[in-house]
Amino acid sequence: MSGRIVQISVSRGGVPKTAVAVARVTALGLEGDAHRDAEHHGGPERAVCLYAMEAIGRLQAEGHQIVPGAIGENVTVEGLDWAAVVPGSHLLLGETVLLQVTRYTSPCTNITRAFKDGDYARVSQKRHPGWSRVYARVLAPGSIRQGDSVRLLDEAEAAEVTAAASR
């Protein structure tokens, strides 16, 4: 299944993150992106945060003030079956960037402003399964651009991309 990158977002720490047209993705995340709270954000297992544009649209329809980057995601995608983007799954961004989803994110009070009545738990996987952002580790670095394709890969495809990246 494939989709596309709607927005790439970075910040010097905190939210909202702002859009950039292009980003280099390394083992520690997007160059130019920083975190105020390194205990709960960033690092190799939480290098990239992703979210679905379709979920943002549905949240907007509920009256929330959310936009891409507002709740800290680095990459906003559309066209994927978000229910299939689960821990252990692999995503290919553009031609070279391979990610493996490591976990669902835990929402915190820093994203309160994006939600009607401050209900930031609206994107909690525990309280609202299927609505969470996800964290991913970087298996193959590279550059991504707004509009690049995003593909959900099976294990064999992910292994092929990993092998090609190591050559």
C-alpha atoms as a PDB file:
ATOM      1  CA  MET A   1       0.000   0.000   0.000  1.00  0.00           C
ATOM      2  CA  SER A   2       1.324   3.452  -0.831  1.00  0.00           C
ATOM      3  CA  GLY A   3       0.606   7.063  -0.036  1.00  0.00           C
ATOM      4  CA  ARG A   4       2.536  10.300   0.018  1.00  0.00           C
ATOM      5  CA  ILE A   5       4.215  12.753   2.383  1.00  0.00           C
ATOM      6  CA  VAL A   6       1.879  15.705   2.967  1.00  0.00           C
ATOM      7  CA  GLN A   7       4.203  17.650   5.261  1.00  0.00           C
ATOM      8  CA  ILE A   8       7.651  17.369   6.841  1.00  0.00           C
ATOM      9  CA  SER A   9       7.911  19.233  10.159  1.00  0.00           C
ATOM     10  CA  VAL A  10      10.749  20.249  12.485  1.00  0.00           C
ATOM     11  CA  SER A  11      11.279  22.530  15.482  1.00  0.00           C
ATOM     12  CA  ARG A  12      14.049  23.715  17.757  1.00  0.00           C
ATOM     13  CA  GLY A  13      12.144  21.982  20.545  1.00  0.00           C
ATOM     14  CA  GLY A  14       8.466  21.717  21.338  1.00  0.00           C
ATOM     15  CA  VAL A  15       5.312  22.193  19.330  1.00  0.00           C
ATOM     16  CA  PRO A  16       4.058  23.166  16.921  1.00  0.00           C
ATOM     17  CA  LYS A  17       6.642  21.954  14.454  1.00  0.00           C
ATOM     18  CA  THR A  18       6.887  23.954  11.234  1.00  0.00           C
ATOM     19  CA  ALA A  19       6.928  22.767   7.643  1.00  0.00           C
ATOM     20  CA  VAL A  20      10.086  22.291   5.615  1.00  0.00           C
ATOM     21  CA  ALA A  21      10.188  21.188   1.986  1.00  0.00           C
ATOM     22  CA  VAL A  22      13.122  18.784   2.348  1.00  0.00           C
ATOM     23  CA  ALA A  23      14.819  17.007   5.251  1.00  0.00           C
ATOM     24  CA  ARG A  24      17.736  14.676   5.758  1.00  0.00           C
ATOM     25  CA  VAL A  25      16.768  11.705   7.933  1.00  0.00           C
ATOM     26  CA  THR A  26      19.511  10.205  10.117  1.00  0.00           C
ATOM     27  CA  ALA A  27      19.542   7.498  12.786  1.00  0.00           C
ATOM     28  CA  LEU A  28      18.576  10.189  15.319  1.00  0.00           C
ATOM     29  CA  GLY A  29      15.782  11.739  13.257  1.00  0.00           C
ATOM     30  CA  LEU A  30      15.382  14.738  10.997  1.00  0.00           C
ATOM     31  CA  GLU A  31      18.274  17.177  10.798  1.00  0.00           C
ATOM     32  CA  GLY A  32      17.162  20.508  12.231  1.00  0.00           C
ATOM     33  CA  ASP A  33      14.676  18.928  14.628  1.00  0.00           C
ATOM     34  CA  ALA A  34      15.220  19.091  18.389  1.00  0.00           C
ATOM     35  CA  HIS A  35      13.409  18.064  21.552  1.00  0.00           C
ATOM     36  CA  ARG A  36      13.041  19.907  24.860  1.00  0.00           C
ATOM     37  CA  ASP A  37      12.403  16.657  26.734  1.00  0.00           C
ATOM     38  CA  ALA A  38      14.989  14.042  25.708  1.00  0.00           C
ATOM     39  CA  GLU A  39      13.662  11.601  28.294  1.00  0.00           C
ATOM     40  CA  HIS A  40      10.334  11.224  26.457  1.00  0.00           C
ATOM     41  CA  HIS A  41      11.187  12.292  22.898  1.00  0.00           C
ATOM     42  CA  GLY A  42      13.897  11.536  20.356  1.00  0.00           C
ATOM     43  CA  GLY A  43      16.685   8.987  20.403  1.00  0.00           C
ATOM     44  CA  PRO A  44      17.158   6.061  18.032  1.00  0.00           C
ATOM     45  CA  GLU A  45      13.915   4.261  18.981  1.00  0.00           C
ATOM     46  CA  ARG A  46      11.844   7.468  18.669  1.00  0.00           C
ATOM     47  CA  ALA A  47      13.784   9.097  15.840  1.00  0.00           C
ATOM     48  CA  VAL A  48      10.802   9.968  13.640  1.00  0.00           C
ATOM     49  CA  CYS A  49       7.198  10.669  14.634  1.00  0.00           C
ATOM     50  CA  LEU A  50       4.512  10.069  11.988  1.00  0.00           C
ATOM     51  CA  TYR A  51       0.787  10.776  11.735  1.00  0.00           C
ATOM     52  CA  ALA A  52      -1.977  10.381   9.161  1.00  0.00           C
ATOM     53  CA  MET A  53      -3.563  13.333   7.386  1.00  0.00           C
ATOM     54  CA  GLU A  54      -6.836  11.419   7.308  1.00  0.00           C
ATOM     55  CA  ALA A  55      -6.864  11.333  11.136  1.00  0.00           C
ATOM     56  CA  ILE A  56      -6.090  15.054  11.255  1.00  0.00           C
ATOM     57  CA  GLY A  57      -9.026  15.717   8.908  1.00  0.00           C
ATOM     58  CA  ARG A  58     -11.406  13.673  11.054  1.00  0.00           C
ATOM     59  CA  LEU A  59     -10.189  15.449  14.200  1.00  0.00           C
ATOM     60  CA  GLN A  60     -10.746  18.819  12.496  1.00  0.00           C
ATOM     61  CA  ALA A  61     -14.303  17.697  11.672  1.00  0.00           C
ATOM     62  CA  GLU A  62     -14.801  17.073  15.411  1.00  0.00           C
ATOM     63  CA  GLY A  63     -13.856  20.714  16.047  1.00  0.00           C
ATOM     64  CA  HIS A  64     -10.212  20.316  17.058  1.00  0.00           C
ATOM     65  CA  GLN A  65      -7.710  22.987  15.915  1.00  0.00           C
ATOM     66  CA  ILE A  66      -5.145  20.421  14.777  1.00  0.00           C
ATOM     67  CA  VAL A  67      -3.009  20.906  11.656  1.00  0.00           C
ATOM     68  CA  PRO A  68       0.038  18.992  10.385  1.00  0.00           C
ATOM     69  CA  GLY A  69       2.935  19.451  12.819  1.00  0.00           C
ATOM     70  CA  ALA A  70       0.740  20.787  15.641  1.00  0.00           C
ATOM     71  CA  ILE A  71       1.061  17.688  17.793  1.00  0.00           C
ATOM     72  CA  GLY A  72       4.741  17.065  17.160  1.00  0.00           C
ATOM     73  CA  GLU A  73       4.817  14.697  14.222  1.00  0.00           C
ATOM     74  CA  ASN A  74       7.758  15.018  11.851  1.00  0.00           C
ATOM     75  CA  VAL A  75       6.089  13.387   8.870  1.00  0.00           C
ATOM     76  CA  THR A  76       2.409  13.705   8.017  1.00  0.00           C
ATOM     77  CA  VAL A  77       1.325  11.096   5.473  1.00  0.00           C
ATOM     78  CA  GLU A  78      -1.828  10.328   3.542  1.00  0.00           C
ATOM     79  CA  GLY A  79      -3.097   7.380   1.563  1.00  0.00           C
ATOM     80  CA  LEU A  80      -1.923   4.597   3.888  1.00  0.00           C
ATOM     81  CA  ASP A  81      -4.121   2.207   5.828  1.00  0.00           C
ATOM     82  CA  TRP A  82      -3.251   3.808   9.189  1.00  0.00           C
ATOM     83  CA  ALA A  83      -4.602   0.770  11.041  1.00  0.00           C
ATOM     84  CA  ALA A  84      -1.779  -1.242   9.423  1.00  0.00           C
ATOM     85  CA  VAL A  85       0.902   1.183  10.650  1.00  0.00           C
ATOM     86  CA  VAL A  86       1.663  -0.682  13.868  1.00  0.00           C
ATOM     87  CA  PRO A  87       4.782  -1.442  15.908  1.00  0.00           C
ATOM     88  CA  GLY A  88       7.029  -3.691  13.826  1.00  0.00           C
ATOM     89  CA  SER A  89       5.749  -2.454  10.455  1.00  0.00           C
ATOM     90  CA  HIS A  90       8.117  -0.923   7.884  1.00  0.00           C
ATOM     91  CA  LEU A  91       7.663   2.256   5.851  1.00  0.00           C
ATOM     92  CA  LEU A  92       9.694   3.407   2.860  1.00  0.00           C
ATOM     93  CA  LEU A  93       9.729   7.197   2.518  1.00  0.00           C
ATOM     94  CA  GLY A  94      10.809   8.378  -0.894  1.00  0.00           C
ATOM     95  CA  GLU A  95      13.353   6.113  -2.555  1.00  0.00           C
ATOM     96  CA  THR A  96      15.734   5.379   0.316  1.00  0.00           C
ATOM     97  CA  VAL A  97      14.492   6.156   3.838  1.00  0.00           C
ATOM     98  CA  LEU A  98      13.402   2.965   5.585  1.00  0.00           C
ATOM     99  CA  LEU A  99      11.658   3.215   8.950  1.00  0.00           C
ATOM    100  CA  GLN A 100      10.439   0.587  11.377  1.00  0.00           C
ATOM    101  CA  VAL A 101       7.600   1.592  13.674  1.00  0.00           C
ATOM    102  CA  THR A 102       8.680   1.023  17.281  1.00  0.00           C
ATOM    103  CA  ARG A 103       5.686   2.176  19.338  1.00  0.00           C
ATOM    104  CA  TYR A 104       2.633   4.361  19.638  1.00  0.00           C
ATOM    105  CA  THR A 105       3.273   7.801  21.108  1.00  0.00           C
ATOM    106  CA  SER A 106       1.893   8.931  24.447  1.00  0.00           C
ATOM    107  CA  PRO A 107       0.196  12.318  24.214  1.00  0.00           C
ATOM    108  CA  CYS A 108       1.211  14.996  26.722  1.00  0.00           C
ATOM    109  CA  THR A 109      -0.057  18.365  27.875  1.00  0.00           C
ATOM    110  CA  ASN A 110       2.212  20.196  25.422  1.00  0.00           C
ATOM    111  CA  ILE A 111      -0.272  19.434  22.615  1.00  0.00           C
ATOM    112  CA  THR A 112      -3.357  20.649  24.535  1.00  0.00           C
ATOM    113  CA  ARG A 113      -3.808  23.759  22.343  1.00  0.00           C
ATOM    114  CA  ALA A 114      -4.560  21.631  19.279  1.00  0.00           C
ATOM    115  CA  PHE A 115      -7.627  20.063  20.891  1.00  0.00           C
ATOM    116  CA  LYS A 116     -11.131  21.261  21.639  1.00  0.00           C
ATOM    117  CA  ASP A 117     -11.568  21.540  25.409  1.00  0.00           C
ATOM    118  CA  GLY A 118      -7.878  20.600  25.755  1.00  0.00           C
ATOM    119  CA  ASP A 119      -8.687  16.916  25.198  1.00  0.00           C
ATOM    120  CA  TYR A 120      -5.193  15.871  24.115  1.00  0.00           C
ATOM    121  CA  ALA A 121      -5.963  12.276  25.159  1.00  0.00           C
ATOM    122  CA  ARG A 122      -8.050  12.157  21.970  1.00  0.00           C
ATOM    123  CA  VAL A 123      -4.898  10.797  20.286  1.00  0.00           C
ATOM    124  CA  SER A 124      -4.112   8.238  22.999  1.00  0.00           C
ATOM    125  CA  GLN A 125      -3.798   4.682  21.689  1.00  0.00           C
ATOM    126  CA  LYS A 126      -5.019   3.322  25.037  1.00  0.00           C
ATOM    127  CA  ARG A 127      -8.154   5.486  25.149  1.00  0.00           C
ATOM    128  CA  HIS A 128      -8.843   5.786  21.415  1.00  0.00           C
ATOM    129  CA  PRO A 129      -7.206   2.879  19.523  1.00  0.00           C
ATOM    130  CA  GLY A 130      -6.174   3.795  15.979  1.00  0.00           C
ATOM    131  CA  TRP A 131      -5.862   7.537  16.636  1.00  0.00           C
ATOM    132  CA  SER A 132      -2.270   7.644  17.912  1.00  0.00           C
ATOM    133  CA  ARG A 133       0.831   8.952  16.236  1.00  0.00           C
ATOM    134  CA  VAL A 134       3.691   6.458  15.936  1.00  0.00           C
ATOM    135  CA  TYR A 135       7.421   6.574  16.588  1.00  0.00           C
ATOM    136  CA  ALA A 136       9.908   4.858  14.279  1.00  0.00           C
ATOM    137  CA  ARG A 137      13.579   3.967  14.137  1.00  0.00           C
ATOM    138  CA  VAL A 138      15.591   4.698  10.997  1.00  0.00           C
ATOM    139  CA  LEU A 139      16.917   1.559   9.300  1.00  0.00           C
ATOM    140  CA  ALA A 140      18.170   3.331   6.165  1.00  0.00           C
ATOM    141  CA  PRO A 141      18.865   7.104   6.196  1.00  0.00           C
ATOM    142  CA  GLY A 142      18.460   9.545   3.331  1.00  0.00           C
ATOM    143  CA  SER A 143      16.551  12.621   2.254  1.00  0.00           C
ATOM    144  CA  ILE A 144      12.808  13.112   1.920  1.00  0.00           C
ATOM    145  CA  ARG A 145      10.697  15.783   0.241  1.00  0.00           C
ATOM    146  CA  GLN A 146       7.136  16.908   0.577  1.00  0.00           C
ATOM    147  CA  GLY A 147       5.128  14.891  -1.972  1.00  0.00           C
ATOM    148  CA  ASP A 148       7.441  11.859  -1.878  1.00  0.00           C
ATOM    149  CA  SER A 149       5.805   8.465  -1.896  1.00  0.00           C
ATOM    150  CA  VAL A 150       5.348   6.457   1.303  1.00  0.00           C
ATOM    151  CA  ARG A 151       4.963   2.692   1.081  1.00  0.00           C
ATOM    152  CA  LEU A 152       4.025   0.180   3.741  1.00  0.00           C
ATOM    153  CA  LEU A 153       6.371  -2.752   3.104  1.00  0.00           C
ATOM    154  CA  ASP A 154       6.115  -6.406   3.994  1.00  0.00           C
ATOM    155  CA  GLU A 155       9.068  -8.166   5.667  1.00  0.00           C
ATOM    156  CA  ALA A 156      10.621  -9.366   2.386  1.00  0.00           C
ATOM    157  CA  GLU A 157      10.452  -5.906   0.800  1.00  0.00           C
ATOM    158  CA  ALA A 158      11.961  -4.323   3.925  1.00  0.00           C
ATOM    159  CA  ALA A 159      14.809  -6.853   3.860  1.00  0.00           C
ATOM    160  CA  GLU A 160      15.502  -5.998   0.190  1.00  0.00           C
ATOM    161  CA  VAL A 161      15.648  -2.263   0.928  1.00  0.00           C
ATOM    162  CA  THR A 162      17.927  -2.868   3.930  1.00  0.00           C
ATOM    163  CA  ALA A 163      20.262  -5.033   1.833  1.00  0.00           C
ATOM    164  CA  ALA A 164      20.373  -2.438  -0.954  1.00  0.00           C
ATOM    165  CA  ALA A 165      21.156   0.326   1.560  1.00  0.00           C
ATOM    166  CA  SER A 166      24.105  -1.627   2.969  1.00  0.00           C
ATOM    167  CA  ARG A 167      25.744  -2.132  -0.441  1.00  0.00           C
END
